[in-house]
Amino acid sequence: FFLLAGFFGCLLLHRYGLGGLLRHRLQRVVAPFALGLLLIVPTVLAAKLYAEIENVRAGDVRGEPSPARPLAARLVAAAPDASTARLVWDFARAGAPVGLLPFLHLWFLYYLLLYVAAVAVLTPLLYR
C-alpha cells in the first residue's frame, strides 16, 4: 500500500508540484482521516465498551479480557441498575475518552500523513 502510494505521490509531485500534491493529499487523506476520527473511532469504542459491560454483567466470560474490561467493571459498580446503553452514553458524554482515541482502523492514513509531511519538508531541501 505504501509503495503504491509513494509511486502515485511521486507522480503527483512531478505533475502538479509540491503545492498540488499537498492540496490533493489534504482532500484524499486528511479529510477521510478527520471524518474517521469523528465518526468511526467513537462508534467502535462505544460498541467495544457496550460489549465489555455486558461481559461484566454476564459474569464469567471465556477468552482474554480486553483492556476495557476494568473500565466496564467500574462503570457497572458505580451504577449497577443503569442500562448498558445509559452507562455507555454517560461515559461518552463526560468526554473522558476523547483524548485517548486510538486510530484503530485508520492507522494507515496516519502513517500516510507522516510520509506526506516528510515529503513536504524534504522536497524543498532535496531539490536545492
N, C-alpha and C. Protein backbone atom coordinates (compact mmCIF):
# COMPACT_ATOMS: atom_id res chain seq x y z
N PHE A 1 0.83 -1.19 0.00
CA PHE A 1 0.00 0.00 0.00
C PHE A 1 0.87 1.25 0.00
N PHE A 2 1.84 1.29 0.90
CA PHE A 2 2.68 2.49 0.98
C PHE A 2 3.59 2.62 -0.23
N LEU A 3 4.01 1.50 -0.79
CA LEU A 3 4.82 1.55 -2.00
C LEU A 3 4.02 2.15 -3.16
N LEU A 4 2.79 1.69 -3.35
CA LEU A 4 1.94 2.25 -4.39
C LEU A 4 1.60 3.71 -4.12
N ALA A 5 1.34 4.04 -2.87
CA ALA A 5 1.06 5.43 -2.51
C ALA A 5 2.27 6.31 -2.81
N GLY A 6 3.47 5.77 -2.62
CA GLY A 6 4.68 6.52 -2.93
C GLY A 6 4.83 6.78 -4.42
N PHE A 7 4.51 5.78 -5.23
CA PHE A 7 4.58 5.98 -6.68
C PHE A 7 3.59 7.03 -7.14
N PHE A 8 2.36 6.95 -6.65
CA PHE A 8 1.36 7.94 -7.04
C PHE A 8 1.67 9.31 -6.47
N GLY A 9 2.23 9.35 -5.27
CA GLY A 9 2.66 10.64 -4.70
C GLY A 9 3.76 11.27 -5.53
N CYS A 10 4.69 10.46 -6.01
CA CYS A 10 5.76 10.96 -6.88
C CYS A 10 5.18 11.49 -8.18
N LEU A 11 4.21 10.79 -8.74
CA LEU A 11 3.54 11.24 -9.95
C LEU A 11 2.86 12.59 -9.72
N LEU A 12 2.16 12.71 -8.60
CA LEU A 12 1.51 13.98 -8.28
C LEU A 12 2.53 15.10 -8.09
N LEU A 13 3.63 14.79 -7.44
CA LEU A 13 4.66 15.79 -7.21
C LEU A 13 5.23 16.30 -8.53
N HIS A 14 5.52 15.40 -9.43
CA HIS A 14 6.09 15.83 -10.71
C HIS A 14 5.07 16.51 -11.61
N ARG A 15 3.82 16.11 -11.50
CA ARG A 15 2.80 16.68 -12.37
C ARG A 15 2.30 18.04 -11.86
N TYR A 16 2.06 18.16 -10.55
CA TYR A 16 1.42 19.36 -10.01
C TYR A 16 2.31 20.18 -9.08
N GLY A 17 3.47 19.68 -8.75
CA GLY A 17 4.34 20.38 -7.82
C GLY A 17 3.97 20.06 -6.38
N LEU A 18 4.75 20.63 -5.47
CA LEU A 18 4.53 20.34 -4.05
C LEU A 18 3.18 20.86 -3.56
N GLY A 19 2.80 22.06 -4.00
CA GLY A 19 1.51 22.62 -3.59
C GLY A 19 0.34 21.77 -4.05
N GLY A 20 0.41 21.29 -5.28
CA GLY A 20 -0.65 20.44 -5.80
C GLY A 20 -0.73 19.11 -5.08
N LEU A 21 0.44 18.55 -4.78
CA LEU A 21 0.48 17.30 -4.01
C LEU A 21 -0.17 17.49 -2.65
N LEU A 22 0.18 18.58 -1.98
CA LEU A 22 -0.36 18.81 -0.64
C LEU A 22 -1.87 19.07 -0.69
N ARG A 23 -2.35 19.80 -1.70
CA ARG A 23 -3.80 20.02 -1.84
C ARG A 23 -4.52 18.69 -2.09
N HIS A 24 -3.94 17.87 -2.95
CA HIS A 24 -4.54 16.56 -3.25
C HIS A 24 -4.59 15.69 -2.00
N ARG A 25 -3.50 15.63 -1.27
CA ARG A 25 -3.45 14.80 -0.06
C ARG A 25 -4.36 15.35 1.04
N LEU A 26 -4.56 16.65 1.05
CA LEU A 26 -5.49 17.25 2.01
C LEU A 26 -6.90 16.72 1.75
N GLN A 27 -7.28 16.65 0.48
CA GLN A 27 -8.61 16.15 0.12
C GLN A 27 -8.72 14.65 0.28
N ARG A 28 -7.69 13.92 -0.12
CA ARG A 28 -7.79 12.46 -0.20
C ARG A 28 -7.35 11.72 1.05
N VAL A 29 -6.60 12.38 1.94
CA VAL A 29 -6.10 11.69 3.13
C VAL A 29 -6.56 12.37 4.41
N VAL A 30 -6.35 13.69 4.49
CA VAL A 30 -6.68 14.39 5.74
C VAL A 30 -8.18 14.39 6.00
N ALA A 31 -8.98 14.65 4.96
CA ALA A 31 -10.44 14.70 5.15
C ALA A 31 -11.00 13.34 5.61
N PRO A 32 -10.67 12.23 4.95
CA PRO A 32 -11.17 10.94 5.46
C PRO A 32 -10.64 10.59 6.85
N PHE A 33 -9.40 10.98 7.12
CA PHE A 33 -8.83 10.71 8.44
C PHE A 33 -9.60 11.47 9.53
N ALA A 34 -9.86 12.75 9.28
CA ALA A 34 -10.60 13.56 10.26
C ALA A 34 -12.02 13.05 10.44
N LEU A 35 -12.70 12.73 9.35
CA LEU A 35 -14.05 12.19 9.46
C LEU A 35 -14.07 10.84 10.18
N GLY A 36 -13.08 10.03 9.90
CA GLY A 36 -12.99 8.74 10.58
C GLY A 36 -12.77 8.90 12.08
N LEU A 37 -11.93 9.87 12.45
CA LEU A 37 -11.71 10.12 13.88
C LEU A 37 -12.97 10.63 14.56
N LEU A 38 -13.77 11.36 13.83
CA LEU A 38 -15.00 11.90 14.41
C LEU A 38 -16.15 10.89 14.43
N LEU A 39 -16.20 10.00 13.45
CA LEU A 39 -17.35 9.10 13.33
C LEU A 39 -17.04 7.64 13.62
N ILE A 40 -16.01 7.10 13.00
CA ILE A 40 -15.76 5.66 13.10
C ILE A 40 -15.18 5.28 14.46
N VAL A 41 -14.15 6.00 14.89
CA VAL A 41 -13.45 5.62 16.12
C VAL A 41 -14.38 5.67 17.35
N PRO A 42 -15.13 6.75 17.57
CA PRO A 42 -16.03 6.74 18.74
C PRO A 42 -17.10 5.65 18.67
N THR A 43 -17.57 5.36 17.47
CA THR A 43 -18.58 4.31 17.32
C THR A 43 -18.01 2.94 17.68
N VAL A 44 -16.82 2.65 17.20
CA VAL A 44 -16.18 1.37 17.50
C VAL A 44 -15.89 1.27 19.00
N LEU A 45 -15.40 2.35 19.59
CA LEU A 45 -15.09 2.32 21.02
C LEU A 45 -16.36 2.17 21.86
N ALA A 46 -17.44 2.81 21.45
CA ALA A 46 -18.71 2.67 22.18
C ALA A 46 -19.23 1.23 22.09
N ALA A 47 -19.11 0.62 20.92
CA ALA A 47 -19.55 -0.77 20.76
C ALA A 47 -18.68 -1.70 21.61
N LYS A 48 -17.40 -1.42 21.66
CA LYS A 48 -16.49 -2.24 22.47
C LYS A 48 -16.82 -2.11 23.95
N LEU A 49 -17.07 -0.89 24.40
CA LEU A 49 -17.42 -0.68 25.80
C LEU A 49 -18.76 -1.33 26.12
N TYR A 50 -19.71 -1.23 25.21
CA TYR A 50 -21.01 -1.87 25.40
C TYR A 50 -20.84 -3.38 25.59
N ALA A 51 -20.04 -4.00 24.74
CA ALA A 51 -19.81 -5.45 24.83
C ALA A 51 -19.12 -5.81 26.14
N GLU A 52 -18.18 -5.00 26.57
CA GLU A 52 -17.47 -5.31 27.82
C GLU A 52 -18.37 -5.13 29.03
N ILE A 53 -19.25 -4.15 29.00
CA ILE A 53 -20.20 -4.00 30.12
C ILE A 53 -21.11 -5.23 30.18
N GLU A 54 -21.56 -5.70 29.03
CA GLU A 54 -22.38 -6.91 29.00
C GLU A 54 -21.58 -8.12 29.49
N ASN A 55 -20.29 -8.20 29.16
CA ASN A 55 -19.45 -9.29 29.66
C ASN A 55 -19.32 -9.23 31.17
N VAL A 56 -19.15 -8.04 31.72
CA VAL A 56 -19.03 -7.89 33.18
C VAL A 56 -20.33 -8.33 33.84
N ARG A 57 -21.45 -7.93 33.28
CA ARG A 57 -22.74 -8.30 33.86
C ARG A 57 -23.02 -9.80 33.72
N ALA A 58 -22.50 -10.42 32.68
CA ALA A 58 -22.73 -11.85 32.47
C ALA A 58 -21.90 -12.71 33.41
N GLY A 59 -20.87 -12.12 33.98
CA GLY A 59 -20.03 -12.89 34.90
C GLY A 59 -18.83 -13.48 34.20
N ASP A 60 -18.67 -14.79 34.33
CA ASP A 60 -17.52 -15.47 33.77
C ASP A 60 -17.68 -15.63 32.25
N VAL A 61 -16.84 -14.93 31.51
CA VAL A 61 -16.87 -14.99 30.05
C VAL A 61 -15.55 -15.60 29.59
N ARG A 62 -15.64 -16.55 28.64
CA ARG A 62 -14.42 -17.18 28.14
C ARG A 62 -13.62 -16.20 27.30
N GLY A 63 -12.33 -16.45 27.23
CA GLY A 63 -11.45 -15.63 26.41
C GLY A 63 -10.73 -14.59 27.24
N GLU A 64 -9.79 -13.96 26.58
CA GLU A 64 -9.00 -12.93 27.24
C GLU A 64 -9.82 -11.65 27.41
N PRO A 65 -9.74 -11.05 28.58
CA PRO A 65 -10.44 -9.77 28.75
C PRO A 65 -9.70 -8.67 27.99
N SER A 66 -10.46 -7.74 27.46
CA SER A 66 -9.85 -6.62 26.75
C SER A 66 -9.41 -5.58 27.77
N PRO A 67 -8.62 -4.62 27.35
CA PRO A 67 -8.22 -3.55 28.27
C PRO A 67 -9.39 -2.71 28.77
N ALA A 68 -10.55 -2.80 28.10
CA ALA A 68 -11.72 -2.02 28.53
C ALA A 68 -12.49 -2.71 29.64
N ARG A 69 -12.15 -3.95 29.98
CA ARG A 69 -12.92 -4.68 31.00
C ARG A 69 -12.86 -4.01 32.36
N PRO A 70 -11.69 -3.55 32.86
CA PRO A 70 -11.70 -2.87 34.17
C PRO A 70 -12.55 -1.60 34.16
N LEU A 71 -12.52 -0.86 33.08
CA LEU A 71 -13.36 0.34 32.98
C LEU A 71 -14.83 -0.05 33.02
N ALA A 72 -15.20 -1.09 32.29
CA ALA A 72 -16.58 -1.56 32.30
C ALA A 72 -17.00 -1.99 33.69
N ALA A 73 -16.11 -2.66 34.41
CA ALA A 73 -16.42 -3.10 35.77
C ALA A 73 -16.64 -1.91 36.69
N ARG A 74 -15.82 -0.87 36.53
CA ARG A 74 -16.01 0.34 37.36
C ARG A 74 -17.33 1.03 37.04
N LEU A 75 -17.69 1.08 35.77
CA LEU A 75 -18.94 1.72 35.40
C LEU A 75 -20.14 0.96 35.95
N VAL A 76 -20.09 -0.36 35.87
CA VAL A 76 -21.19 -1.17 36.40
C VAL A 76 -21.26 -1.06 37.92
N ALA A 77 -20.11 -1.04 38.58
CA ALA A 77 -20.10 -0.92 40.04
C ALA A 77 -20.63 0.44 40.49
N ALA A 78 -20.38 1.48 39.71
CA ALA A 78 -20.85 2.82 40.09
C ALA A 78 -22.36 2.96 39.93
N ALA A 79 -22.94 2.29 38.94
CA ALA A 79 -24.38 2.39 38.70
C ALA A 79 -24.91 1.03 38.27
N PRO A 80 -25.09 0.10 39.21
CA PRO A 80 -25.47 -1.26 38.83
C PRO A 80 -26.87 -1.38 38.22
N ASP A 81 -27.75 -0.44 38.50
CA ASP A 81 -29.12 -0.53 37.99
C ASP A 81 -29.30 0.16 36.64
N ALA A 82 -28.32 0.90 36.20
CA ALA A 82 -28.43 1.63 34.93
C ALA A 82 -28.31 0.65 33.76
N SER A 83 -28.98 0.98 32.67
CA SER A 83 -28.88 0.13 31.48
C SER A 83 -27.49 0.26 30.86
N THR A 84 -27.14 -0.70 30.07
CA THR A 84 -25.83 -0.68 29.42
C THR A 84 -25.71 0.52 28.49
N ALA A 85 -26.76 0.79 27.75
CA ALA A 85 -26.73 1.95 26.85
C ALA A 85 -26.57 3.24 27.63
N ARG A 86 -27.21 3.35 28.79
CA ARG A 86 -27.09 4.56 29.61
C ARG A 86 -25.66 4.71 30.12
N LEU A 87 -25.03 3.62 30.54
CA LEU A 87 -23.65 3.69 31.01
C LEU A 87 -22.70 4.15 29.91
N VAL A 88 -22.87 3.60 28.71
CA VAL A 88 -22.01 4.00 27.59
C VAL A 88 -22.26 5.46 27.24
N TRP A 89 -23.52 5.86 27.18
CA TRP A 89 -23.87 7.24 26.84
C TRP A 89 -23.30 8.22 27.86
N ASP A 90 -23.45 7.92 29.15
CA ASP A 90 -22.93 8.82 30.19
C ASP A 90 -21.41 8.92 30.13
N PHE A 91 -20.76 7.81 29.86
CA PHE A 91 -19.30 7.82 29.76
C PHE A 91 -18.85 8.65 28.56
N ALA A 92 -19.51 8.46 27.43
CA ALA A 92 -19.14 9.22 26.22
C ALA A 92 -19.45 10.70 26.39
N ARG A 93 -20.56 11.01 27.00
CA ARG A 93 -20.95 12.40 27.19
C ARG A 93 -20.01 13.13 28.15
N ALA A 94 -19.41 12.39 29.06
CA ALA A 94 -18.46 13.00 30.01
C ALA A 94 -17.20 13.48 29.30
N GLY A 95 -16.93 12.96 28.09
CA GLY A 95 -15.77 13.41 27.32
C GLY A 95 -14.46 12.79 27.75
N ALA A 96 -14.51 11.82 28.63
CA ALA A 96 -13.27 11.21 29.11
C ALA A 96 -12.46 10.53 28.02
N PRO A 97 -13.08 9.81 27.07
CA PRO A 97 -12.25 9.08 26.11
C PRO A 97 -11.72 9.93 24.96
N VAL A 98 -12.12 11.19 24.86
CA VAL A 98 -11.76 11.98 23.69
C VAL A 98 -10.25 12.12 23.52
N GLY A 99 -9.52 12.34 24.59
CA GLY A 99 -8.08 12.49 24.49
C GLY A 99 -7.35 11.18 24.29
N LEU A 100 -8.05 10.08 24.47
CA LEU A 100 -7.41 8.76 24.40
C LEU A 100 -7.80 7.98 23.15
N LEU A 101 -8.35 8.66 22.15
CA LEU A 101 -8.83 7.95 20.96
C LEU A 101 -7.66 7.33 20.19
N PRO A 102 -7.67 6.02 20.07
CA PRO A 102 -6.66 5.39 19.21
C PRO A 102 -7.09 5.51 17.75
N PHE A 103 -6.19 5.22 16.86
CA PHE A 103 -6.51 5.35 15.44
C PHE A 103 -7.24 4.14 14.89
N LEU A 104 -7.21 3.02 15.61
CA LEU A 104 -7.90 1.80 15.21
C LEU A 104 -7.67 1.46 13.74
N HIS A 105 -8.72 1.50 12.94
CA HIS A 105 -8.64 1.12 11.53
C HIS A 105 -8.01 2.21 10.66
N LEU A 106 -7.75 3.35 11.23
CA LEU A 106 -7.23 4.47 10.46
C LEU A 106 -5.72 4.61 10.56
N TRP A 107 -5.03 3.61 11.05
CA TRP A 107 -3.59 3.71 11.26
C TRP A 107 -2.86 3.98 9.95
N PHE A 108 -3.33 3.41 8.85
CA PHE A 108 -2.62 3.59 7.57
C PHE A 108 -2.73 5.02 7.09
N LEU A 109 -3.85 5.68 7.34
CA LEU A 109 -3.96 7.09 6.96
C LEU A 109 -3.03 7.96 7.82
N TYR A 110 -2.90 7.61 9.09
CA TYR A 110 -1.99 8.33 9.98
C TYR A 110 -0.56 8.23 9.46
N TYR A 111 -0.13 7.02 9.12
CA TYR A 111 1.23 6.85 8.62
C TYR A 111 1.41 7.53 7.26
N LEU A 112 0.39 7.49 6.44
CA LEU A 112 0.47 8.17 5.15
C LEU A 112 0.62 9.68 5.35
N LEU A 113 -0.05 10.22 6.35
CA LEU A 113 0.11 11.65 6.67
C LEU A 113 1.53 11.96 7.13
N LEU A 114 2.12 11.04 7.88
CA LEU A 114 3.51 11.24 8.30
C LEU A 114 4.45 11.26 7.10
N TYR A 115 4.20 10.37 6.14
CA TYR A 115 5.03 10.35 4.93
C TYR A 115 4.84 11.61 4.10
N VAL A 116 3.62 12.09 4.00
CA VAL A 116 3.36 13.33 3.26
C VAL A 116 4.05 14.50 3.95
N ALA A 117 4.03 14.53 5.26
CA ALA A 117 4.73 15.59 6.00
C ALA A 117 6.23 15.52 5.74
N ALA A 118 6.77 14.30 5.69
CA ALA A 118 8.20 14.15 5.40
C ALA A 118 8.51 14.64 3.99
N VAL A 119 7.64 14.34 3.04
CA VAL A 119 7.84 14.82 1.67
C VAL A 119 7.77 16.34 1.62
N ALA A 120 6.83 16.92 2.35
CA ALA A 120 6.68 18.38 2.36
C ALA A 120 7.92 19.06 2.92
N VAL A 121 8.56 18.44 3.89
CA VAL A 121 9.76 19.03 4.49
C VAL A 121 11.00 18.75 3.64
N LEU A 122 11.12 17.53 3.15
CA LEU A 122 12.35 17.14 2.45
C LEU A 122 12.41 17.57 0.99
N THR A 123 11.28 17.73 0.33
CA THR A 123 11.30 18.07 -1.09
C THR A 123 12.02 19.39 -1.38
N PRO A 124 11.71 20.47 -0.66
CA PRO A 124 12.45 21.72 -0.94
C PRO A 124 13.94 21.59 -0.64
N LEU A 125 14.28 20.81 0.37
CA LEU A 125 15.69 20.63 0.71
C LEU A 125 16.44 19.82 -0.34
N LEU A 126 15.80 18.80 -0.86
CA LEU A 126 16.47 17.91 -1.79
C LEU A 126 16.54 18.48 -3.21
N TYR A 127 15.64 19.40 -3.55
CA TYR A 127 15.68 20.00 -4.88
C TYR A 127 16.73 21.11 -4.98
N ARG A 128 17.31 21.51 -3.87
CA ARG A 128 18.33 22.59 -3.90
C ARG A 128 19.62 22.05 -4.36
